[in-house]
């Protein structure tokens, strides 16, 4: 399920027509597991936890301003 959450997150980032999480309003997509035995809707708390874990992991991979090869800090005013 984690792979599906990652794929949905990436797709939503690339395509506005794909619904991903709305972190501002705390709204998460519905996720359903479909097997031979039937369907199972995954509880929203589990989906929220998976998205929060994914976001935390990706934030950890982000470079800090001093780690970039290009100066990404906001230019200073007045010189």
PDB file of N, CA and C in Angstrom:
ATOM      1  N   UNK A   1       0.815  -1.179   0.000  1.00  0.00           N
ATOM      2  CA  UNK A   1       0.000   0.000   0.000  1.00  0.00           C
ATOM      3  C   UNK A   1       0.867   1.254   0.000  1.00  0.00           C
ATOM      4  N   UNK A   2       2.034   1.174   0.624  1.00  0.00           N
ATOM      5  CA  UNK A   2       2.920   2.335   0.657  1.00  0.00           C
ATOM      6  C   UNK A   2       3.337   2.749  -0.753  1.00  0.00           C
ATOM      7  N   UNK A   3       3.583   1.791  -1.619  1.00  0.00           N
ATOM      8  CA  UNK A   3       3.967   2.099  -2.997  1.00  0.00           C
ATOM      9  C   UNK A   3       2.824   2.805  -3.720  1.00  0.00           C
ATOM     10  N   UNK A   4       1.599   2.369  -3.482  1.00  0.00           N
ATOM     11  CA  UNK A   4       0.440   3.014  -4.109  1.00  0.00           C
ATOM     12  C   UNK A   4       0.295   4.452  -3.623  1.00  0.00           C
ATOM     13  N   UNK A   5       0.538   4.689  -2.341  1.00  0.00           N
ATOM     14  CA  UNK A   5       0.458   6.043  -1.777  1.00  0.00           C
ATOM     15  C   UNK A   5       1.534   6.926  -2.411  1.00  0.00           C
ATOM     16  N   UNK A   6       2.744   6.397  -2.554  1.00  0.00           N
ATOM     17  CA  UNK A   6       3.822   7.166  -3.185  1.00  0.00           C
ATOM     18  C   UNK A   6       3.480   7.500  -4.636  1.00  0.00           C
ATOM     19  N   UNK A   7       2.938   6.527  -5.359  1.00  0.00           N
ATOM     20  CA  UNK A   7       2.577   6.757  -6.761  1.00  0.00           C
ATOM     21  C   UNK A   7       1.474   7.801  -6.873  1.00  0.00           C
ATOM     22  N   UNK A   8       0.491   7.733  -6.004  1.00  0.00           N
ATOM     23  CA  UNK A   8      -0.594   8.714  -6.016  1.00  0.00           C
ATOM     24  C   UNK A   8      -0.077  10.105  -5.685  1.00  0.00           C
ATOM     25  N   UNK A   9       0.816  10.193  -4.718  1.00  0.00           N
ATOM     26  CA  UNK A   9       1.398  11.480  -4.322  1.00  0.00           C
ATOM     27  C   UNK A   9       2.180  12.091  -5.486  1.00  0.00           C
ATOM     28  N   UNK A  10       2.988  11.272  -6.151  1.00  0.00           N
ATOM     29  CA  UNK A  10       3.772  11.753  -7.294  1.00  0.00           C
ATOM     30  C   UNK A  10       2.866  12.158  -8.455  1.00  0.00           C
ATOM     31  N   UNK A  11       1.839  11.356  -8.728  1.00  0.00           N
ATOM     32  CA  UNK A  11       0.921  11.670  -9.825  1.00  0.00           C
ATOM     33  C   UNK A  11       0.172  12.965  -9.548  1.00  0.00           C
ATOM     34  N   UNK A  12      -0.261  13.162  -8.315  1.00  0.00           N
ATOM     35  CA  UNK A  12      -0.983  14.390  -7.958  1.00  0.00           C
ATOM     36  C   UNK A  12      -0.081  15.606  -8.074  1.00  0.00           C
ATOM     37  N   UNK A  13       1.205  15.416  -7.833  1.00  0.00           N
ATOM     38  CA  UNK A  13       2.158  16.517  -7.947  1.00  0.00           C
ATOM     39  C   UNK A  13       2.355  16.929  -9.408  1.00  0.00           C
ATOM     40  N   UNK A  14       2.256  15.976 -10.316  1.00  0.00           N
ATOM     41  CA  UNK A  14       2.486  16.226 -11.738  1.00  0.00           C
ATOM     42  C   UNK A  14       1.220  16.605 -12.503  1.00  0.00           C
ATOM     43  N   UNK A  15       0.047  16.199 -12.005  1.00  0.00           N
ATOM     44  CA  UNK A  15      -1.199  16.364 -12.756  1.00  0.00           C
ATOM     45  C   UNK A  15      -2.294  16.876 -11.831  1.00  0.00           C
ATOM     46  N   UNK A  16      -2.799  18.075 -12.109  1.00  0.00           N
ATOM     47  CA  UNK A  16      -3.826  18.663 -11.239  1.00  0.00           C
ATOM     48  C   UNK A  16      -5.126  17.862 -11.265  1.00  0.00           C
ATOM     49  N   UNK A  17      -5.321  17.016 -12.269  1.00  0.00           N
ATOM     50  CA  UNK A  17      -6.527  16.202 -12.347  1.00  0.00           C
ATOM     51  C   UNK A  17      -6.477  14.973 -11.458  1.00  0.00           C
ATOM     52  N   UNK A  18      -5.322  14.688 -10.892  1.00  0.00           N
ATOM     53  CA  UNK A  18      -5.169  13.538 -10.001  1.00  0.00           C
ATOM     54  C   UNK A  18      -5.264  14.020  -8.567  1.00  0.00           C
ATOM     55  N   UNK A  19      -6.157  13.424  -7.823  1.00  0.00           N
ATOM     56  CA  UNK A  19      -6.369  13.854  -6.441  1.00  0.00           C
ATOM     57  C   UNK A  19      -5.372  13.243  -5.488  1.00  0.00           C
ATOM     58  N   UNK A  20      -4.640  14.085  -4.831  1.00  0.00           N
ATOM     59  CA  UNK A  20      -3.738  13.648  -3.776  1.00  0.00           C
ATOM     60  C   UNK A  20      -4.262  14.175  -2.457  1.00  0.00           C
ATOM     61  N   UNK A  21      -3.440  14.197  -1.442  1.00  0.00           N
ATOM     62  CA  UNK A  21      -3.894  14.711  -0.155  1.00  0.00           C
ATOM     63  C   UNK A  21      -4.018  16.232  -0.186  1.00  0.00           C
ATOM     64  N   UNK A  22      -4.964  16.751   0.576  1.00  0.00           N
ATOM     65  CA  UNK A  22      -5.093  18.193   0.787  1.00  0.00           C
ATOM     66  C   UNK A  22      -4.637  18.428   2.221  1.00  0.00           C
ATOM     67  N   UNK A  23      -3.373  18.756   2.380  1.00  0.00           N
ATOM     68  CA  UNK A  23      -2.777  18.858   3.707  1.00  0.00           C
ATOM     69  C   UNK A  23      -3.295  20.052   4.486  1.00  0.00           C
ATOM     70  N   UNK A  24      -3.731  21.087   3.796  1.00  0.00           N
ATOM     71  CA  UNK A  24      -4.255  22.272   4.472  1.00  0.00           C
ATOM     72  C   UNK A  24      -5.587  21.951   5.135  1.00  0.00           C
ATOM     73  N   UNK A  25      -6.441  21.239   4.420  1.00  0.00           N
ATOM     74  CA  UNK A  25      -7.773  20.922   4.949  1.00  0.00           C
ATOM     75  C   UNK A  25      -7.842  19.536   5.580  1.00  0.00           C
ATOM     76  N   UNK A  26      -6.704  18.832   5.651  1.00  0.00           N
ATOM     77  CA  UNK A  26      -6.627  17.506   6.266  1.00  0.00           C
ATOM     78  C   UNK A  26      -7.582  16.517   5.587  1.00  0.00           C
ATOM     79  N   UNK A  27      -7.553  16.527   4.238  1.00  0.00           N
ATOM     80  CA  UNK A  27      -8.388  15.620   3.448  1.00  0.00           C
ATOM     81  C   UNK A  27      -7.461  14.671   2.692  1.00  0.00           C
ATOM     82  N   UNK A  28      -7.777  13.388   2.774  1.00  0.00           N
ATOM     83  CA  UNK A  28      -6.947  12.375   2.139  1.00  0.00           C
ATOM     84  C   UNK A  28      -7.792  11.520   1.202  1.00  0.00           C
ATOM     85  N   UNK A  29      -7.183  10.990   0.146  1.00  0.00           N
ATOM     86  CA  UNK A  29      -7.952  10.174  -0.794  1.00  0.00           C
ATOM     87  C   UNK A  29      -8.424   8.872  -0.157  1.00  0.00           C
ATOM     88  N   UNK A  30      -9.469   8.338  -0.728  1.00  0.00           N
ATOM     89  CA  UNK A  30      -9.960   7.030  -0.315  1.00  0.00           C
ATOM     90  C   UNK A  30      -9.084   5.967  -0.969  1.00  0.00           C
ATOM     91  N   UNK A  31      -8.667   4.985  -0.185  1.00  0.00           N
ATOM     92  CA  UNK A  31      -7.851   3.890  -0.704  1.00  0.00           C
ATOM     93  C   UNK A  31      -8.574   2.588  -0.392  1.00  0.00           C
ATOM     94  N   UNK A  32      -8.727   1.758  -1.418  1.00  0.00           N
ATOM     95  CA  UNK A  32      -9.426   0.487  -1.265  1.00  0.00           C
ATOM     96  C   UNK A  32      -8.515  -0.629  -1.757  1.00  0.00           C
ATOM     97  N   UNK A  33      -8.397  -1.670  -0.958  1.00  0.00           N
ATOM     98  CA  UNK A  33      -7.651  -2.861  -1.352  1.00  0.00           C
ATOM     99  C   UNK A  33      -8.637  -3.845  -1.978  1.00  0.00           C
ATOM    100  N   UNK A  34      -8.317  -4.325  -3.173  1.00  0.00           N
ATOM    101  CA  UNK A  34      -9.192  -5.259  -3.879  1.00  0.00           C
ATOM    102  C   UNK A  34      -8.434  -6.565  -4.082  1.00  0.00           C
ATOM    103  N   UNK A  35      -8.989  -7.634  -3.548  1.00  0.00           N
ATOM    104  CA  UNK A  35      -8.386  -8.962  -3.682  1.00  0.00           C
ATOM    105  C   UNK A  35      -9.459  -9.947  -4.137  1.00  0.00           C
ATOM    106  N   UNK A  36      -9.079 -11.196  -4.291  1.00  0.00           N
ATOM    107  CA  UNK A  36     -10.027 -12.246  -4.660  1.00  0.00           C
ATOM    108  C   UNK A  36     -11.117 -12.373  -3.597  1.00  0.00           C
ATOM    109  N   UNK A  37     -10.744 -12.133  -2.349  1.00  0.00           N
ATOM    110  CA  UNK A  37     -11.703 -12.262  -1.254  1.00  0.00           C
ATOM    111  C   UNK A  37     -12.709 -11.118  -1.199  1.00  0.00           C
ATOM    112  N   UNK A  38     -12.406 -10.007  -1.856  1.00  0.00           N
ATOM    113  CA  UNK A  38     -13.326  -8.870  -1.831  1.00  0.00           C
ATOM    114  C   UNK A  38     -12.578  -7.556  -1.706  1.00  0.00           C
ATOM    115  N   UNK A  39     -13.285  -6.547  -1.204  1.00  0.00           N
ATOM    116  CA  UNK A  39     -12.705  -5.214  -1.066  1.00  0.00           C
ATOM    117  C   UNK A  39     -12.605  -4.832   0.402  1.00  0.00           C
ATOM    118  N   UNK A  40     -11.644  -3.972   0.677  1.00  0.00           N
ATOM    119  CA  UNK A  40     -11.453  -3.471   2.034  1.00  0.00           C
ATOM    120  C   UNK A  40     -11.037  -2.017   1.939  1.00  0.00           C
ATOM    121  N   UNK A  41     -11.861  -1.122   2.486  1.00  0.00           N
ATOM    122  CA  UNK A  41     -11.495   0.292   2.512  1.00  0.00           C
ATOM    123  C   UNK A  41     -10.512   0.513   3.654  1.00  0.00           C
ATOM    124  N   UNK A  42      -9.392   1.134   3.334  1.00  0.00           N
ATOM    125  CA  UNK A  42      -8.344   1.387   4.316  1.00  0.00           C
ATOM    126  C   UNK A  42      -8.771   2.582   5.169  1.00  0.00           C
ATOM    127  N   UNK A  43      -8.683   2.466   6.489  1.00  0.00           N
ATOM    128  CA  UNK A  43      -9.095   3.571   7.362  1.00  0.00           C
ATOM    129  C   UNK A  43      -8.319   4.859   7.074  1.00  0.00           C
ATOM    130  N   UNK A  44      -9.016   5.988   7.160  1.00  0.00           N
ATOM    131  CA  UNK A  44      -8.404   7.285   6.859  1.00  0.00           C
ATOM    132  C   UNK A  44      -7.199   7.560   7.753  1.00  0.00           C
ATOM    133  N   UNK A  45      -7.249   7.133   9.000  1.00  0.00           N
ATOM    134  CA  UNK A  45      -6.101   7.346   9.895  1.00  0.00           C
ATOM    135  C   UNK A  45      -4.850   6.644   9.366  1.00  0.00           C
ATOM    136  N   UNK A  46      -5.030   5.463   8.777  1.00  0.00           N
ATOM    137  CA  UNK A  46      -3.889   4.743   8.196  1.00  0.00           C
ATOM    138  C   UNK A  46      -3.346   5.477   6.973  1.00  0.00           C
ATOM    139  N   UNK A  47      -4.253   5.995   6.147  1.00  0.00           N
ATOM    140  CA  UNK A  47      -3.845   6.744   4.955  1.00  0.00           C
ATOM    141  C   UNK A  47      -3.115   8.017   5.369  1.00  0.00           C
ATOM    142  N   UNK A  48      -3.663   8.724   6.353  1.00  0.00           N
ATOM    143  CA  UNK A  48      -3.027   9.951   6.864  1.00  0.00           C
ATOM    144  C   UNK A  48      -1.620   9.639   7.363  1.00  0.00           C
ATOM    145  N   UNK A  49      -1.476   8.555   8.115  1.00  0.00           N
ATOM    146  CA  UNK A  49      -0.167   8.180   8.660  1.00  0.00           C
ATOM    147  C   UNK A  49       0.827   7.869   7.539  1.00  0.00           C
ATOM    148  N   UNK A  50       0.376   7.171   6.496  1.00  0.00           N
ATOM    149  CA  UNK A  50       1.269   6.845   5.381  1.00  0.00           C
ATOM    150  C   UNK A  50       1.705   8.098   4.630  1.00  0.00           C
ATOM    151  N   UNK A  51       0.766   9.025   4.389  1.00  0.00           N
ATOM    152  CA  UNK A  51       1.139  10.271   3.712  1.00  0.00           C
ATOM    153  C   UNK A  51       2.087  11.092   4.583  1.00  0.00           C
ATOM    154  N   UNK A  52       1.811  11.172   5.879  1.00  0.00           N
ATOM    155  CA  UNK A  52       2.695  11.932   6.773  1.00  0.00           C
ATOM    156  C   UNK A  52       4.092  11.327   6.812  1.00  0.00           C
ATOM    157  N   UNK A  53       4.171  10.004   6.809  1.00  0.00           N
ATOM    158  CA  UNK A  53       5.470   9.321   6.784  1.00  0.00           C
ATOM    159  C   UNK A  53       6.212   9.627   5.482  1.00  0.00           C
ATOM    160  N   UNK A  54       5.497   9.571   4.363  1.00  0.00           N
ATOM    161  CA  UNK A  54       6.101   9.862   3.062  1.00  0.00           C
ATOM    162  C   UNK A  54       6.622  11.294   3.009  1.00  0.00           C
ATOM    163  N   UNK A  55       5.826  12.229   3.482  1.00  0.00           N
ATOM    164  CA  UNK A  55       6.227  13.637   3.466  1.00  0.00           C
ATOM    165  C   UNK A  55       7.440  13.852   4.362  1.00  0.00           C
ATOM    166  N   UNK A  56       7.460  13.221   5.525  1.00  0.00           N
ATOM    167  CA  UNK A  56       8.612  13.341   6.425  1.00  0.00           C
ATOM    168  C   UNK A  56       9.871  12.784   5.779  1.00  0.00           C
ATOM    169  N   UNK A  57       9.738  11.642   5.112  1.00  0.00           N
ATOM    170  CA  UNK A  57      10.895  11.048   4.429  1.00  0.00           C
ATOM    171  C   UNK A  57      11.423  11.977   3.347  1.00  0.00           C
ATOM    172  N   UNK A  58      10.517  12.554   2.593  1.00  0.00           N
ATOM    173  CA  UNK A  58      10.943  13.427   1.490  1.00  0.00           C
ATOM    174  C   UNK A  58      11.517  14.736   2.008  1.00  0.00           C
ATOM    175  N   UNK A  59      10.999  15.232   3.095  1.00  0.00           N
ATOM    176  CA  UNK A  59      11.586  16.440   3.687  1.00  0.00           C
ATOM    177  C   UNK A  59      13.005  16.159   4.147  1.00  0.00           C
ATOM    178  N   UNK A  60      13.239  14.963   4.644  1.00  0.00           N
ATOM    179  CA  UNK A  60      14.573  14.580   5.072  1.00  0.00           C
ATOM    180  C   UNK A  60      15.549  14.505   3.918  1.00  0.00           C
ATOM    181  N   UNK A  61      15.035  14.284   2.704  1.00  0.00           N
ATOM    182  CA  UNK A  61      15.879  14.195   1.518  1.00  0.00           C
ATOM    183  C   UNK A  61      16.130  15.555   0.889  1.00  0.00           C
ATOM    184  N   UNK A  62      15.385  16.567   1.328  1.00  0.00           N
ATOM    185  CA  UNK A  62      15.553  17.897   0.754  1.00  0.00           C
ATOM    186  C   UNK A  62      16.882  18.493   1.202  1.00  0.00           C
ATOM    187  N   UNK A  63      17.480  19.248   0.338  1.00  0.00           N
ATOM    188  CA  UNK A  63      18.738  19.899   0.674  1.00  0.00           C
ATOM    189  C   UNK A  63      18.473  21.184   1.439  1.00  0.00           C
ATOM    190  N   UNK A  64      19.309  21.455   2.401  1.00  0.00           N
ATOM    191  CA  UNK A  64      19.256  22.728   3.099  1.00  0.00           C
ATOM    192  C   UNK A  64      19.895  23.783   2.206  1.00  0.00           C
ATOM    193  N   UNK A  65      19.563  25.068   2.409  1.00  0.00           N
ATOM    194  CA  UNK A  65      20.107  26.111   1.527  1.00  0.00           C
ATOM    195  C   UNK A  65      21.621  26.053   1.362  1.00  0.00           C
ATOM    196  N   UNK A  66      22.359  25.767   2.431  1.00  0.00           N
ATOM    197  CA  UNK A  66      23.821  25.747   2.319  1.00  0.00           C
ATOM    198  C   UNK A  66      24.346  24.482   1.629  1.00  0.00           C
ATOM    199  N   UNK A  67      23.480  23.500   1.356  1.00  0.00           N
ATOM    200  CA  UNK A  67      23.903  22.265   0.708  1.00  0.00           C
ATOM    201  C   UNK A  67      23.746  22.303  -0.816  1.00  0.00           C
ATOM    202  N   UNK A  68      23.042  23.294  -1.339  1.00  0.00           N
ATOM    203  CA  UNK A  68      22.841  23.403  -2.783  1.00  0.00           C
ATOM    204  C   UNK A  68      24.128  23.852  -3.469  1.00  0.00           C
ATOM    205  N   UNK A  69      24.299  23.426  -4.709  1.00  0.00           N
ATOM    206  CA  UNK A  69      25.458  23.874  -5.481  1.00  0.00           C
ATOM    207  C   UNK A  69      25.236  25.278  -6.028  1.00  0.00           C
ATOM    208  N   UNK A  70      23.995  25.718  -6.055  1.00  0.00           N
ATOM    209  CA  UNK A  70      23.640  27.067  -6.485  1.00  0.00           C
ATOM    210  C   UNK A  70      23.031  27.764  -5.281  1.00  0.00           C
ATOM    211  N   UNK A  71      23.312  29.052  -5.100  1.00  0.00           N
ATOM    212  CA  UNK A  71      22.765  29.788  -3.965  1.00  0.00           C
ATOM    213  C   UNK A  71      21.261  29.972  -4.168  1.00  0.00           C
ATOM    214  N   UNK A  72      20.460  29.274  -3.376  1.00  0.00           N
ATOM    215  CA  UNK A  72      19.006  29.324  -3.521  1.00  0.00           C
ATOM    216  C   UNK A  72      18.352  30.252  -2.507  1.00  0.00           C
ATOM    217  N   UNK A  73      19.178  30.919  -1.725  1.00  0.00           N
ATOM    218  CA  UNK A  73      18.618  31.840  -0.737  1.00  0.00           C
ATOM    219  C   UNK A  73      18.062  33.073  -1.420  1.00  0.00           C
ATOM    220  N   UNK A  74      17.150  33.726  -0.740  1.00  0.00           N
ATOM    221  CA  UNK A  74      16.558  34.949  -1.269  1.00  0.00           C
ATOM    222  C   UNK A  74      17.638  36.019  -1.368  1.00  0.00           C
ATOM    223  N   UNK A  75      17.694  36.721  -2.515  1.00  0.00           N
ATOM    224  CA  UNK A  75      18.702  37.785  -2.652  1.00  0.00           C
ATOM    225  C   UNK A  75      18.505  38.861  -1.586  1.00  0.00           C
ATOM    226  N   UNK A  76      19.602  39.384  -1.126  1.00  0.00           N
ATOM    227  CA  UNK A  76      19.533  40.448  -0.120  1.00  0.00           C
ATOM    228  C   UNK A  76      19.257  41.774  -0.793  1.00  0.00           C
ATOM    229  N   UNK A  77      18.486  42.600  -0.134  1.00  0.00           N
ATOM    230  CA  UNK A  77      18.199  43.935  -0.674  1.00  0.00           C
ATOM    231  C   UNK A  77      19.351  44.878  -0.360  1.00  0.00           C
ATOM    232  N   UNK A  78      19.585  45.760  -1.269  1.00  0.00           N
ATOM    233  CA  UNK A  78      20.583  46.797  -1.041  1.00  0.00           C
ATOM    234  C   UNK A  78      22.019  46.339  -1.203  1.00  0.00           C
ATOM    235  N   UNK A  79      22.229  45.256  -1.917  1.00  0.00           N
ATOM    236  CA  UNK A  79      23.599  44.936  -2.224  1.00  0.00           C
ATOM    237  C   UNK A  79      24.053  43.663  -1.712  1.00  0.00           C
TER     238      UNK A  79
END
